[in-house]
Amino acid sequence: MIAVSEAFLLAEKLGLDAQKLFDISSKSSGQCWSMTSYCPVPGPVPNSPANRDYAPGFTAAMMLKDLKLSQEAAKSAGAITPLGAGATAVYERFVASGEAGRDFSGIIRYLRGE
């Protein structure tokens, strides 16, 4: 979700239309569940929480819990997971900012500085 959100934020900064990015990415190597089922920007996916002010389906607190569990598992297995560690840190800040009950796709608003 963080990577998909970053892609949409980059598109915004470059003046690219979110729908065009969705149309291209959802049919190429950028295609993933976070893009096609839970798109973090309003519009492209009608049932996405982005179209409901990020009302929770799966909260940021639940995502953080799962990320922490994944980091514990990685540590116990001796696995190196820098992307997982980074995602955990980002969601820790998002939750600490008061957004624990918001949908995890609302991370785009945090990354945007809202």
PDB file of N, CA and C in Angstrom:
ATOM      1  N   MET A   1       0.821  -1.189   0.000  1.00  0.00           N
ATOM      2  CA  MET A   1       0.000   0.000   0.000  1.00  0.00           C
ATOM      3  C   MET A   1       0.870   1.260   0.000  1.00  0.00           C
ATOM      4  N   ILE A   2       1.973   1.184   0.731  1.00  0.00           N
ATOM      5  CA  ILE A   2       2.866   2.345   0.748  1.00  0.00           C
ATOM      6  C   ILE A   2       3.431   2.594  -0.647  1.00  0.00           C
ATOM      7  N   ALA A   3       3.878   1.559  -1.332  1.00  0.00           N
ATOM      8  CA  ALA A   3       4.450   1.722  -2.671  1.00  0.00           C
ATOM      9  C   ALA A   3       3.417   2.249  -3.660  1.00  0.00           C
ATOM     10  N   VAL A   4       2.205   1.733  -3.601  1.00  0.00           N
ATOM     11  CA  VAL A   4       1.138   2.211  -4.492  1.00  0.00           C
ATOM     12  C   VAL A   4       0.828   3.669  -4.178  1.00  0.00           C
ATOM     13  N   SER A   5       0.770   4.009  -2.898  1.00  0.00           N
ATOM     14  CA  SER A   5       0.518   5.396  -2.497  1.00  0.00           C
ATOM     15  C   SER A   5       1.621   6.314  -3.007  1.00  0.00           C
ATOM     16  N   GLU A   6       2.866   5.867  -2.884  1.00  0.00           N
ATOM     17  CA  GLU A   6       3.981   6.674  -3.386  1.00  0.00           C
ATOM     18  C   GLU A   6       3.880   6.892  -4.889  1.00  0.00           C
ATOM     19  N   ALA A   7       3.446   5.881  -5.615  1.00  0.00           N
ATOM     20  CA  ALA A   7       3.286   6.029  -7.065  1.00  0.00           C
ATOM     21  C   ALA A   7       2.249   7.101  -7.394  1.00  0.00           C
ATOM     22  N   PHE A   8       1.125   7.081  -6.686  1.00  0.00           N
ATOM     23  CA  PHE A   8       0.094   8.099  -6.932  1.00  0.00           C
ATOM     24  C   PHE A   8       0.558   9.487  -6.506  1.00  0.00           C
ATOM     25  N   LEU A   9       1.328   9.570  -5.429  1.00  0.00           N
ATOM     26  CA  LEU A   9       1.850  10.870  -5.008  1.00  0.00           C
ATOM     27  C   LEU A   9       2.852  11.415  -6.011  1.00  0.00           C
ATOM     28  N   LEU A  10       3.694  10.543  -6.553  1.00  0.00           N
ATOM     29  CA  LEU A  10       4.630  10.978  -7.589  1.00  0.00           C
ATOM     30  C   LEU A  10       3.856  11.470  -8.812  1.00  0.00           C
ATOM     31  N   ALA A  11       2.824  10.725  -9.197  1.00  0.00           N
ATOM     32  CA  ALA A  11       2.002  11.147 -10.337  1.00  0.00           C
ATOM     33  C   ALA A  11       1.406  12.534 -10.085  1.00  0.00           C
ATOM     34  N   GLU A  12       0.904  12.759  -8.873  1.00  0.00           N
ATOM     35  CA  GLU A  12       0.351  14.081  -8.528  1.00  0.00           C
ATOM     36  C   GLU A  12       1.406  15.164  -8.727  1.00  0.00           C
ATOM     37  N   LYS A  13       2.592  14.927  -8.187  1.00  0.00           N
ATOM     38  CA  LYS A  13       3.667  15.925  -8.271  1.00  0.00           C
ATOM     39  C   LYS A  13       4.090  16.183  -9.722  1.00  0.00           C
ATOM     40  N   LEU A  14       3.964  15.166 -10.563  1.00  0.00           N
ATOM     41  CA  LEU A  14       4.333  15.312 -11.969  1.00  0.00           C
ATOM     42  C   LEU A  14       3.183  15.818 -12.830  1.00  0.00           C
ATOM     43  N   GLY A  15       2.018  16.016 -12.207  1.00  0.00           N
ATOM     44  CA  GLY A  15       0.864  16.503 -12.943  1.00  0.00           C
ATOM     45  C   GLY A  15       0.147  15.442 -13.754  1.00  0.00           C
ATOM     46  N   LEU A  16       0.361  14.178 -13.411  1.00  0.00           N
ATOM     47  CA  LEU A  16      -0.294  13.091 -14.130  1.00  0.00           C
ATOM     48  C   LEU A  16      -1.642  12.772 -13.503  1.00  0.00           C
ATOM     49  N   ASP A  17      -2.595  12.433 -14.309  1.00  0.00           N
ATOM     50  CA  ASP A  17      -3.940  12.096 -13.860  1.00  0.00           C
ATOM     51  C   ASP A  17      -3.952  10.744 -13.146  1.00  0.00           C
ATOM     52  N   ALA A  18      -4.591  10.696 -11.973  1.00  0.00           N
ATOM     53  CA  ALA A  18      -4.646   9.456 -11.183  1.00  0.00           C
ATOM     54  C   ALA A  18      -5.324   8.328 -11.962  1.00  0.00           C
ATOM     55  N   GLN A  19      -6.372   8.640 -12.694  1.00  0.00           N
ATOM     56  CA  GLN A  19      -7.064   7.601 -13.457  1.00  0.00           C
ATOM     57  C   GLN A  19      -6.157   7.021 -14.544  1.00  0.00           C
ATOM     58  N   LYS A  20      -5.372   7.880 -15.199  1.00  0.00           N
ATOM     59  CA  LYS A  20      -4.454   7.378 -16.233  1.00  0.00           C
ATOM     60  C   LYS A  20      -3.379   6.485 -15.618  1.00  0.00           C
ATOM     61  N   LEU A  21      -2.847   6.888 -14.456  1.00  0.00           N
ATOM     62  CA  LEU A  21      -1.866   6.041 -13.780  1.00  0.00           C
ATOM     63  C   LEU A  21      -2.494   4.697 -13.431  1.00  0.00           C
ATOM     64  N   PHE A  22      -3.707   4.723 -12.903  1.00  0.00           N
ATOM     65  CA  PHE A  22      -4.404   3.486 -12.568  1.00  0.00           C
ATOM     66  C   PHE A  22      -4.588   2.611 -13.809  1.00  0.00           C
ATOM     67  N   ASP A  23      -5.066   3.215 -14.899  1.00  0.00           N
ATOM     68  CA  ASP A  23      -5.327   2.457 -16.126  1.00  0.00           C
ATOM     69  C   ASP A  23      -4.070   1.760 -16.642  1.00  0.00           C
ATOM     70  N   ILE A  24      -2.945   2.450 -16.573  1.00  0.00           N
ATOM     71  CA  ILE A  24      -1.694   1.878 -17.059  1.00  0.00           C
ATOM     72  C   ILE A  24      -1.144   0.861 -16.066  1.00  0.00           C
ATOM     73  N   SER A  25      -1.042   1.260 -14.811  1.00  0.00           N
ATOM     74  CA  SER A  25      -0.419   0.399 -13.793  1.00  0.00           C
ATOM     75  C   SER A  25      -1.209  -0.863 -13.503  1.00  0.00           C
ATOM     76  N   SER A  26      -2.516  -0.763 -13.558  1.00  0.00           N
ATOM     77  CA  SER A  26      -3.336  -1.931 -13.228  1.00  0.00           C
ATOM     78  C   SER A  26      -3.297  -3.002 -14.309  1.00  0.00           C
ATOM     79  N   LYS A  27      -2.680  -2.681 -15.453  1.00  0.00           N
ATOM     80  CA  LYS A  27      -2.561  -3.652 -16.539  1.00  0.00           C
ATOM     81  C   LYS A  27      -1.098  -3.941 -16.877  1.00  0.00           C
ATOM     82  N   SER A  28      -0.206  -3.594 -15.952  1.00  0.00           N
ATOM     83  CA  SER A  28       1.225  -3.806 -16.208  1.00  0.00           C
ATOM     84  C   SER A  28       1.884  -4.362 -14.950  1.00  0.00           C
ATOM     85  N   SER A  29       3.169  -4.213 -14.837  1.00  0.00           N
ATOM     86  CA  SER A  29       3.896  -4.764 -13.685  1.00  0.00           C
ATOM     87  C   SER A  29       3.508  -4.104 -12.368  1.00  0.00           C
ATOM     88  N   GLY A  30       2.823  -2.975 -12.408  1.00  0.00           N
ATOM     89  CA  GLY A  30       2.351  -2.321 -11.186  1.00  0.00           C
ATOM     90  C   GLY A  30       1.063  -2.915 -10.657  1.00  0.00           C
ATOM     91  N   GLN A  31       0.485  -3.855 -11.380  1.00  0.00           N
ATOM     92  CA  GLN A  31      -0.779  -4.457 -10.960  1.00  0.00           C
ATOM     93  C   GLN A  31      -0.577  -5.233  -9.675  1.00  0.00           C
ATOM     94  N   CYS A  32      -1.412  -4.926  -8.697  1.00  0.00           N
ATOM     95  CA  CYS A  32      -1.405  -5.638  -7.421  1.00  0.00           C
ATOM     96  C   CYS A  32      -2.740  -5.365  -6.723  1.00  0.00           C
ATOM     97  N   TRP A  33      -2.999  -6.110  -5.685  1.00  0.00           N
ATOM     98  CA  TRP A  33      -4.262  -5.980  -4.946  1.00  0.00           C
ATOM     99  C   TRP A  33      -4.456  -4.558  -4.431  1.00  0.00           C
ATOM    100  N   SER A  34      -3.397  -3.952  -3.904  1.00  0.00           N
ATOM    101  CA  SER A  34      -3.509  -2.593  -3.372  1.00  0.00           C
ATOM    102  C   SER A  34      -3.901  -1.595  -4.455  1.00  0.00           C
ATOM    103  N   MET A  35      -3.518  -1.861  -5.673  1.00  0.00           N
ATOM    104  CA  MET A  35      -3.863  -0.980  -6.788  1.00  0.00           C
ATOM    105  C   MET A  35      -5.291  -1.239  -7.271  1.00  0.00           C
ATOM    106  N   THR A  36      -5.616  -2.495  -7.543  1.00  0.00           N
ATOM    107  CA  THR A  36      -6.871  -2.791  -8.240  1.00  0.00           C
ATOM    108  C   THR A  36      -8.075  -3.033  -7.350  1.00  0.00           C
ATOM    109  N   SER A  37      -7.864  -3.341  -6.081  1.00  0.00           N
ATOM    110  CA  SER A  37      -8.999  -3.603  -5.190  1.00  0.00           C
ATOM    111  C   SER A  37      -9.162  -2.549  -4.108  1.00  0.00           C
ATOM    112  N   TYR A  38      -8.082  -1.879  -3.740  1.00  0.00           N
ATOM    113  CA  TYR A  38      -8.103  -0.980  -2.590  1.00  0.00           C
ATOM    114  C   TYR A  38      -7.374   0.318  -2.911  1.00  0.00           C
ATOM    115  N   CYS A  39      -7.479   0.765  -4.137  1.00  0.00           N
ATOM    116  CA  CYS A  39      -6.757   1.938  -4.619  1.00  0.00           C
ATOM    117  C   CYS A  39      -6.818   3.082  -3.596  1.00  0.00           C
ATOM    118  N   PRO A  40      -5.660   3.669  -3.235  1.00  0.00           N
ATOM    119  CA  PRO A  40      -5.641   4.677  -2.185  1.00  0.00           C
ATOM    120  C   PRO A  40      -6.091   6.077  -2.589  1.00  0.00           C
ATOM    121  N   VAL A  41      -6.461   6.264  -3.838  1.00  0.00           N
ATOM    122  CA  VAL A  41      -6.993   7.569  -4.255  1.00  0.00           C
ATOM    123  C   VAL A  41      -8.452   7.412  -4.662  1.00  0.00           C
ATOM    124  N   PRO A  42      -9.257   8.434  -4.393  1.00  0.00           N
ATOM    125  CA  PRO A  42     -10.666   8.358  -4.788  1.00  0.00           C
ATOM    126  C   PRO A  42     -10.814   8.262  -6.306  1.00  0.00           C
ATOM    127  N   GLY A  43     -11.803   7.504  -6.735  1.00  0.00           N
ATOM    128  CA  GLY A  43     -12.142   7.446  -8.147  1.00  0.00           C
ATOM    129  C   GLY A  43     -11.979   6.120  -8.839  1.00  0.00           C
ATOM    130  N   PRO A  44     -10.740   5.671  -9.067  1.00  0.00           N
ATOM    131  CA  PRO A  44     -10.550   4.491  -9.925  1.00  0.00           C
ATOM    132  C   PRO A  44     -11.241   3.213  -9.467  1.00  0.00           C
ATOM    133  N   VAL A  45     -11.342   2.971  -8.173  1.00  0.00           N
ATOM    134  CA  VAL A  45     -11.963   1.744  -7.654  1.00  0.00           C
ATOM    135  C   VAL A  45     -13.147   2.175  -6.774  1.00  0.00           C
ATOM    136  N   PRO A  46     -14.362   2.082  -7.296  1.00  0.00           N
ATOM    137  CA  PRO A  46     -15.532   2.617  -6.584  1.00  0.00           C
ATOM    138  C   PRO A  46     -15.715   2.135  -5.148  1.00  0.00           C
ATOM    139  N   ASN A  47     -15.366   0.893  -4.838  1.00  0.00           N
ATOM    140  CA  ASN A  47     -15.575   0.372  -3.487  1.00  0.00           C
ATOM    141  C   ASN A  47     -14.398   0.604  -2.550  1.00  0.00           C
ATOM    142  N   SER A  48     -13.400   1.310  -2.995  1.00  0.00           N
ATOM    143  CA  SER A  48     -12.215   1.579  -2.185  1.00  0.00           C
ATOM    144  C   SER A  48     -12.541   2.512  -1.022  1.00  0.00           C
ATOM    145  N   PRO A  49     -11.904   2.314   0.137  1.00  0.00           N
ATOM    146  CA  PRO A  49     -12.105   3.222   1.268  1.00  0.00           C
ATOM    147  C   PRO A  49     -11.763   4.677   0.936  1.00  0.00           C
ATOM    148  N   ALA A  50     -10.939   4.898  -0.073  1.00  0.00           N
ATOM    149  CA  ALA A  50     -10.601   6.271  -0.474  1.00  0.00           C
ATOM    150  C   ALA A  50     -11.844   7.049  -0.884  1.00  0.00           C
ATOM    151  N   ASN A  51     -12.857   6.344  -1.335  1.00  0.00           N
ATOM    152  CA  ASN A  51     -14.105   6.993  -1.745  1.00  0.00           C
ATOM    153  C   ASN A  51     -15.046   7.216  -0.563  1.00  0.00           C
ATOM    154  N   ARG A  52     -14.616   6.805   0.632  1.00  0.00           N
ATOM    155  CA  ARG A  52     -15.426   6.980   1.849  1.00  0.00           C
ATOM    156  C   ARG A  52     -14.594   7.660   2.942  1.00  0.00           C
ATOM    157  N   ASP A  53     -13.736   8.591   2.551  1.00  0.00           N
ATOM    158  CA  ASP A  53     -12.867   9.310   3.482  1.00  0.00           C
ATOM    159  C   ASP A  53     -12.051   8.353   4.340  1.00  0.00           C
ATOM    160  N   TYR A  54     -11.660   7.229   3.764  1.00  0.00           N
ATOM    161  CA  TYR A  54     -10.818   6.229   4.411  1.00  0.00           C
ATOM    162  C   TYR A  54     -11.452   5.630   5.664  1.00  0.00           C
ATOM    163  N   ALA A  55     -12.785   5.475   5.599  1.00  0.00           N
ATOM    164  CA  ALA A  55     -13.473   4.750   6.679  1.00  0.00           C
ATOM    165  C   ALA A  55     -12.889   3.342   6.705  1.00  0.00           C
ATOM    166  N   PRO A  56     -12.655   2.806   7.888  1.00  0.00           N
ATOM    167  CA  PRO A  56     -11.912   1.553   7.961  1.00  0.00           C
ATOM    168  C   PRO A  56     -12.646   0.325   7.468  1.00  0.00           C
ATOM    169  N   GLY A  57     -11.879  -0.466   6.758  1.00  0.00           N
ATOM    170  CA  GLY A  57     -12.216  -1.842   6.455  1.00  0.00           C
ATOM    171  C   GLY A  57     -11.196  -2.663   7.235  1.00  0.00           C
ATOM    172  N   PHE A  58      -9.925  -2.294   7.052  1.00  0.00           N
ATOM    173  CA  PHE A  58      -8.803  -2.884   7.775  1.00  0.00           C
ATOM    174  C   PHE A  58      -8.015  -1.694   8.317  1.00  0.00           C
ATOM    175  N   THR A  59      -8.037  -1.512   9.613  1.00  0.00           N
ATOM    176  CA  THR A  59      -7.473  -0.301  10.202  1.00  0.00           C
ATOM    177  C   THR A  59      -5.952  -0.252  10.137  1.00  0.00           C
ATOM    178  N   ALA A  60      -5.444   0.961  10.266  1.00  0.00           N
ATOM    179  CA  ALA A  60      -3.997   1.168  10.331  1.00  0.00           C
ATOM    180  C   ALA A  60      -3.416   0.444  11.540  1.00  0.00           C
ATOM    181  N   ALA A  61      -4.143   0.419  12.652  1.00  0.00           N
ATOM    182  CA  ALA A  61      -3.668  -0.289  13.851  1.00  0.00           C
ATOM    183  C   ALA A  61      -3.533  -1.783  13.576  1.00  0.00           C
ATOM    184  N   MET A  62      -4.466  -2.348  12.836  1.00  0.00           N
ATOM    185  CA  MET A  62      -4.391  -3.777  12.495  1.00  0.00           C
ATOM    186  C   MET A  62      -3.217  -4.043  11.553  1.00  0.00           C
ATOM    187  N   MET A  63      -2.990  -3.143  10.622  1.00  0.00           N
ATOM    188  CA  MET A  63      -1.841  -3.296   9.721  1.00  0.00           C
ATOM    189  C   MET A  63      -0.542  -3.239  10.512  1.00  0.00           C
ATOM    190  N   LEU A  64      -0.454  -2.294  11.441  1.00  0.00           N
ATOM    191  CA  LEU A  64       0.753  -2.178  12.248  1.00  0.00           C
ATOM    192  C   LEU A  64       0.969  -3.445  13.077  1.00  0.00           C
ATOM    193  N   LYS A  65      -0.092  -3.983  13.651  1.00  0.00           N
ATOM    194  CA  LYS A  65       0.013  -5.224  14.416  1.00  0.00           C
ATOM    195  C   LYS A  65       0.588  -6.331  13.539  1.00  0.00           C
ATOM    196  N   ASP A  66       0.054  -6.484  12.344  1.00  0.00           N
ATOM    197  CA  ASP A  66       0.533  -7.529  11.435  1.00  0.00           C
ATOM    198  C   ASP A  66       1.978  -7.292  11.000  1.00  0.00           C
ATOM    199  N   LEU A  67       2.327  -6.047  10.750  1.00  0.00           N
ATOM    200  CA  LEU A  67       3.705  -5.736  10.367  1.00  0.00           C
ATOM    201  C   LEU A  67       4.675  -6.062  11.503  1.00  0.00           C
ATOM    202  N   LYS A  68       4.270  -5.738  12.726  1.00  0.00           N
ATOM    203  CA  LYS A  68       5.123  -6.064  13.873  1.00  0.00           C
ATOM    204  C   LYS A  68       5.284  -7.579  14.019  1.00  0.00           C
ATOM    205  N   LEU A  69       4.194  -8.308  13.817  1.00  0.00           N
ATOM    206  CA  LEU A  69       4.286  -9.769  13.869  1.00  0.00           C
ATOM    207  C   LEU A  69       5.229 -10.304  12.798  1.00  0.00           C
ATOM    208  N   SER A  70       5.162  -9.713  11.617  1.00  0.00           N
ATOM    209  CA  SER A  70       6.053 -10.163  10.536  1.00  0.00           C
ATOM    210  C   SER A  70       7.503  -9.871  10.884  1.00  0.00           C
ATOM    211  N   GLN A  71       7.761  -8.763  11.542  1.00  0.00           N
ATOM    212  CA  GLN A  71       9.126  -8.421  11.928  1.00  0.00           C
ATOM    213  C   GLN A  71       9.640  -9.348  13.034  1.00  0.00           C
ATOM    214  N   GLU A  72       8.760  -9.727  13.949  1.00  0.00           N
ATOM    215  CA  GLU A  72       9.143 -10.702  14.982  1.00  0.00           C
ATOM    216  C   GLU A  72       9.473 -12.050  14.347  1.00  0.00           C
ATOM    217  N   ALA A  73       8.652 -12.461  13.388  1.00  0.00           N
ATOM    218  CA  ALA A  73       8.906 -13.735  12.703  1.00  0.00           C
ATOM    219  C   ALA A  73      10.212 -13.678  11.928  1.00  0.00           C
ATOM    220  N   ALA A  74      10.453 -12.572  11.251  1.00  0.00           N
ATOM    221  CA  ALA A  74      11.690 -12.426  10.493  1.00  0.00           C
ATOM    222  C   ALA A  74      12.902 -12.493  11.419  1.00  0.00           C
ATOM    223  N   LYS A  75      12.810 -11.809  12.535  1.00  0.00           N
ATOM    224  CA  LYS A  75      13.920 -11.813  13.496  1.00  0.00           C
ATOM    225  C   LYS A  75      14.183 -13.219  14.021  1.00  0.00           C
ATOM    226  N   SER A  76      13.110 -13.929  14.373  1.00  0.00           N
ATOM    227  CA  SER A  76      13.290 -15.277  14.921  1.00  0.00           C
ATOM    228  C   SER A  76      13.836 -16.249  13.881  1.00  0.00           C
ATOM    229  N   ALA A  77      13.574 -15.979  12.606  1.00  0.00           N
ATOM    230  CA  ALA A  77      14.058 -16.852  11.536  1.00  0.00           C
ATOM    231  C   ALA A  77      15.412 -16.406  10.986  1.00  0.00           C
ATOM    232  N   GLY A  78      15.874 -15.260  11.456  1.00  0.00           N
ATOM    233  CA  GLY A  78      17.138 -14.745  10.941  1.00  0.00           C
ATOM    234  C   GLY A  78      17.023 -14.184   9.541  1.00  0.00           C
ATOM    235  N   ALA A  79      15.824 -13.770   9.164  1.00  0.00           N
ATOM    236  CA  ALA A  79      15.589 -13.204   7.828  1.00  0.00           C
ATOM    237  C   ALA A  79      15.792 -11.687   7.863  1.00  0.00           C
ATOM    238  N   ILE A  80      16.341 -11.168   6.795  1.00  0.00           N
ATOM    239  CA  ILE A  80      16.548  -9.729   6.671  1.00  0.00           C
ATOM    240  C   ILE A  80      15.405  -9.163   5.832  1.00  0.00           C
ATOM    241  N   THR A  81      14.632  -8.256   6.418  1.00  0.00           N
ATOM    242  CA  THR A  81      13.458  -7.699   5.735  1.00  0.00           C
ATOM    243  C   THR A  81      13.458  -6.169   5.835  1.00  0.00           C
ATOM    244  N   PRO A  82      14.349  -5.497   5.110  1.00  0.00           N
ATOM    245  CA  PRO A  82      14.421  -4.042   5.223  1.00  0.00           C
ATOM    246  C   PRO A  82      13.153  -3.315   4.766  1.00  0.00           C
ATOM    247  N   LEU A  83      12.492  -3.828   3.755  1.00  0.00           N
ATOM    248  CA  LEU A  83      11.247  -3.179   3.321  1.00  0.00           C
ATOM    249  C   LEU A  83      10.149  -3.350   4.364  1.00  0.00           C
ATOM    250  N   GLY A  84      10.082  -4.528   4.952  1.00  0.00           N
ATOM    251  CA  GLY A  84       9.116  -4.763   6.022  1.00  0.00           C
ATOM    252  C   GLY A  84       9.387  -3.870   7.223  1.00  0.00           C
ATOM    253  N   ALA A  85      10.657  -3.714   7.565  1.00  0.00           N
ATOM    254  CA  ALA A  85      11.029  -2.836   8.681  1.00  0.00           C
ATOM    255  C   ALA A  85      10.664  -1.389   8.374  1.00  0.00           C
ATOM    256  N   GLY A  86      10.907  -0.984   7.145  1.00  0.00           N
ATOM    257  CA  GLY A  86      10.556   0.383   6.746  1.00  0.00           C
ATOM    258  C   GLY A  86       9.057   0.625   6.781  1.00  0.00           C
ATOM    259  N   ALA A  87       8.286  -0.352   6.285  1.00  0.00           N
ATOM    260  CA  ALA A  87       6.828  -0.226   6.301  1.00  0.00           C
ATOM    261  C   ALA A  87       6.314  -0.168   7.738  1.00  0.00           C
ATOM    262  N   THR A  88       6.916  -0.962   8.613  1.00  0.00           N
ATOM    263  CA  THR A  88       6.526  -0.939  10.017  1.00  0.00           C
ATOM    264  C   THR A  88       6.761   0.447  10.604  1.00  0.00           C
ATOM    265  N   ALA A  89       7.891   1.037  10.317  1.00  0.00           N
ATOM    266  CA  ALA A  89       8.213   2.369  10.830  1.00  0.00           C
ATOM    267  C   ALA A  89       7.236   3.423  10.313  1.00  0.00           C
ATOM    268  N   VAL A  90       6.877   3.331   9.041  1.00  0.00           N
ATOM    269  CA  VAL A  90       5.931   4.301   8.470  1.00  0.00           C
ATOM    270  C   VAL A  90       4.565   4.158   9.141  1.00  0.00           C
ATOM    271  N   TYR A  91       4.083   2.929   9.290  1.00  0.00           N
ATOM    272  CA  TYR A  91       2.782   2.735   9.934  1.00  0.00           C
ATOM    273  C   TYR A  91       2.831   3.081  11.420  1.00  0.00           C
ATOM    274  N   GLU A  92       3.965   2.915  12.071  1.00  0.00           N
ATOM    275  CA  GLU A  92       4.083   3.351  13.469  1.00  0.00           C
ATOM    276  C   GLU A  92       3.855   4.852  13.575  1.00  0.00           C
ATOM    277  N   ARG A  93       4.452   5.605  12.665  1.00  0.00           N
ATOM    278  CA  ARG A  93       4.265   7.070  12.677  1.00  0.00           C
ATOM    279  C   ARG A  93       2.826   7.446  12.335  1.00  0.00           C
ATOM    280  N   PHE A  94       2.237   6.748  11.376  1.00  0.00           N
ATOM    281  CA  PHE A  94       0.841   7.016  10.980  1.00  0.00           C
ATOM    282  C   PHE A  94      -0.091   6.783  12.167  1.00  0.00           C
ATOM    283  N   VAL A  95       0.059   5.657  12.835  1.00  0.00           N
ATOM    284  CA  VAL A  95      -0.774   5.330  13.995  1.00  0.00           C
ATOM    285  C   VAL A  95      -0.524   6.333  15.121  1.00  0.00           C
ATOM    286  N   ALA A  96       0.730   6.677  15.368  1.00  0.00           N
ATOM    287  CA  ALA A  96       1.068   7.630  16.428  1.00  0.00           C
ATOM    288  C   ALA A  96       0.502   9.022  16.149  1.00  0.00           C
ATOM    289  N   SER A  97       0.247   9.321  14.882  1.00  0.00           N
ATOM    290  CA  SER A  97      -0.305  10.635  14.528  1.00  0.00           C
ATOM    291  C   SER A  97      -1.806  10.722  14.795  1.00  0.00           C
ATOM    292  N   GLY A  98      -2.387   9.649  15.326  1.00  0.00           N
ATOM    293  CA  GLY A  98      -3.811   9.668  15.668  1.00  0.00           C
ATOM    294  C   GLY A  98      -4.699   8.961  14.665  1.00  0.00           C
ATOM    295  N   GLU A  99      -4.120   8.216  13.746  1.00  0.00           N
ATOM    296  CA  GLU A  99      -4.892   7.593  12.670  1.00  0.00           C
ATOM    297  C   GLU A  99      -5.075   6.084  12.842  1.00  0.00           C
ATOM    298  N   ALA A 100      -4.932   5.581  14.051  1.00  0.00           N
ATOM    299  CA  ALA A 100      -5.037   4.133  14.297  1.00  0.00           C
ATOM    300  C   ALA A 100      -6.344   3.542  13.783  1.00  0.00           C
ATOM    301  N   GLY A 101      -7.435   4.280  13.875  1.00  0.00           N
ATOM    302  CA  GLY A 101      -8.735   3.772  13.463  1.00  0.00           C
ATOM    303  C   GLY A 101      -9.088   4.017  12.007  1.00  0.00           C
ATOM    304  N   ARG A 102      -8.236   4.716  11.291  1.00  0.00           N
ATOM    305  CA  ARG A 102      -8.483   4.989   9.875  1.00  0.00           C
ATOM    306  C   ARG A 102      -8.073   3.757   9.066  1.00  0.00           C
ATOM    307  N   ASP A 103      -8.641   3.614   7.875  1.00  0.00           N
ATOM    308  CA  ASP A 103      -8.256   2.506   7.015  1.00  0.00           C
ATOM    309  C   ASP A 103      -6.769   2.605   6.695  1.00  0.00           C
ATOM    310  N   PHE A 104      -6.123   1.455   6.567  1.00  0.00           N
ATOM    311  CA  PHE A 104      -4.685   1.447   6.306  1.00  0.00           C
ATOM    312  C   PHE A 104      -4.326   2.103   4.983  1.00  0.00           C
ATOM    313  N   SER A 105      -5.268   2.174   4.046  1.00  0.00           N
ATOM    314  CA  SER A 105      -5.000   2.847   2.766  1.00  0.00           C
ATOM    315  C   SER A 105      -4.918   4.366   2.931  1.00  0.00           C
ATOM    316  N   GLY A 106      -5.363   4.871   4.070  1.00  0.00           N
ATOM    317  CA  GLY A 106      -5.237   6.299   4.358  1.00  0.00           C
ATOM    318  C   GLY A 106      -3.794   6.726   4.541  1.00  0.00           C
ATOM    319  N   ILE A 107      -2.876   5.782   4.490  1.00  0.00           N
ATOM    320  CA  ILE A 107      -1.449   6.101   4.592  1.00  0.00           C
ATOM    321  C   ILE A 107      -1.054   7.121   3.531  1.00  0.00           C
ATOM    322  N   ILE A 108      -1.779   7.162   2.432  1.00  0.00           N
ATOM    323  CA  ILE A 108      -1.460   8.149   1.382  1.00  0.00           C
ATOM    324  C   ILE A 108      -1.611   9.569   1.911  1.00  0.00           C
ATOM    325  N   ARG A 109      -2.597   9.780   2.762  1.00  0.00           N
ATOM    326  CA  ARG A 109      -2.778  11.128   3.330  1.00  0.00           C
ATOM    327  C   ARG A 109      -1.620  11.485   4.242  1.00  0.00           C
ATOM    328  N   TYR A 110      -1.133  10.506   4.995  1.00  0.00           N
ATOM    329  CA  TYR A 110       0.021  10.732   5.859  1.00  0.00           C
ATOM    330  C   TYR A 110       1.253  11.062   5.008  1.00  0.00           C
ATOM    331  N   LEU A 111       1.487  10.298   3.959  1.00  0.00           N
ATOM    332  CA  LEU A 111       2.626  10.527   3.085  1.00  0.00           C
ATOM    333  C   LEU A 111       2.523  11.873   2.368  1.00  0.00           C
ATOM    334  N   ARG A 112       1.323  12.319   2.148  1.00  0.00           N
ATOM    335  CA  ARG A 112       1.064  13.594   1.497  1.00  0.00           C
ATOM    336  C   ARG A 112       1.282  14.753   2.482  1.00  0.00           C
ATOM    337  N   GLY A 113       1.325  14.428   3.764  1.00  0.00           N
ATOM    338  CA  GLY A 113       1.509  15.464   4.786  1.00  0.00           C
ATOM    339  C   GLY A 113       0.217  16.052   5.298  1.00  0.00           C
ATOM    340  N   GLU A 114      -0.883  15.351   5.070  1.00  0.00           N
ATOM    341  CA  GLU A 114      -2.194  15.847   5.530  1.00  0.00           C
ATOM    342  C   GLU A 114      -2.443  15.498   6.975  1.00  0.00           C
TER     343      GLU A 114
END
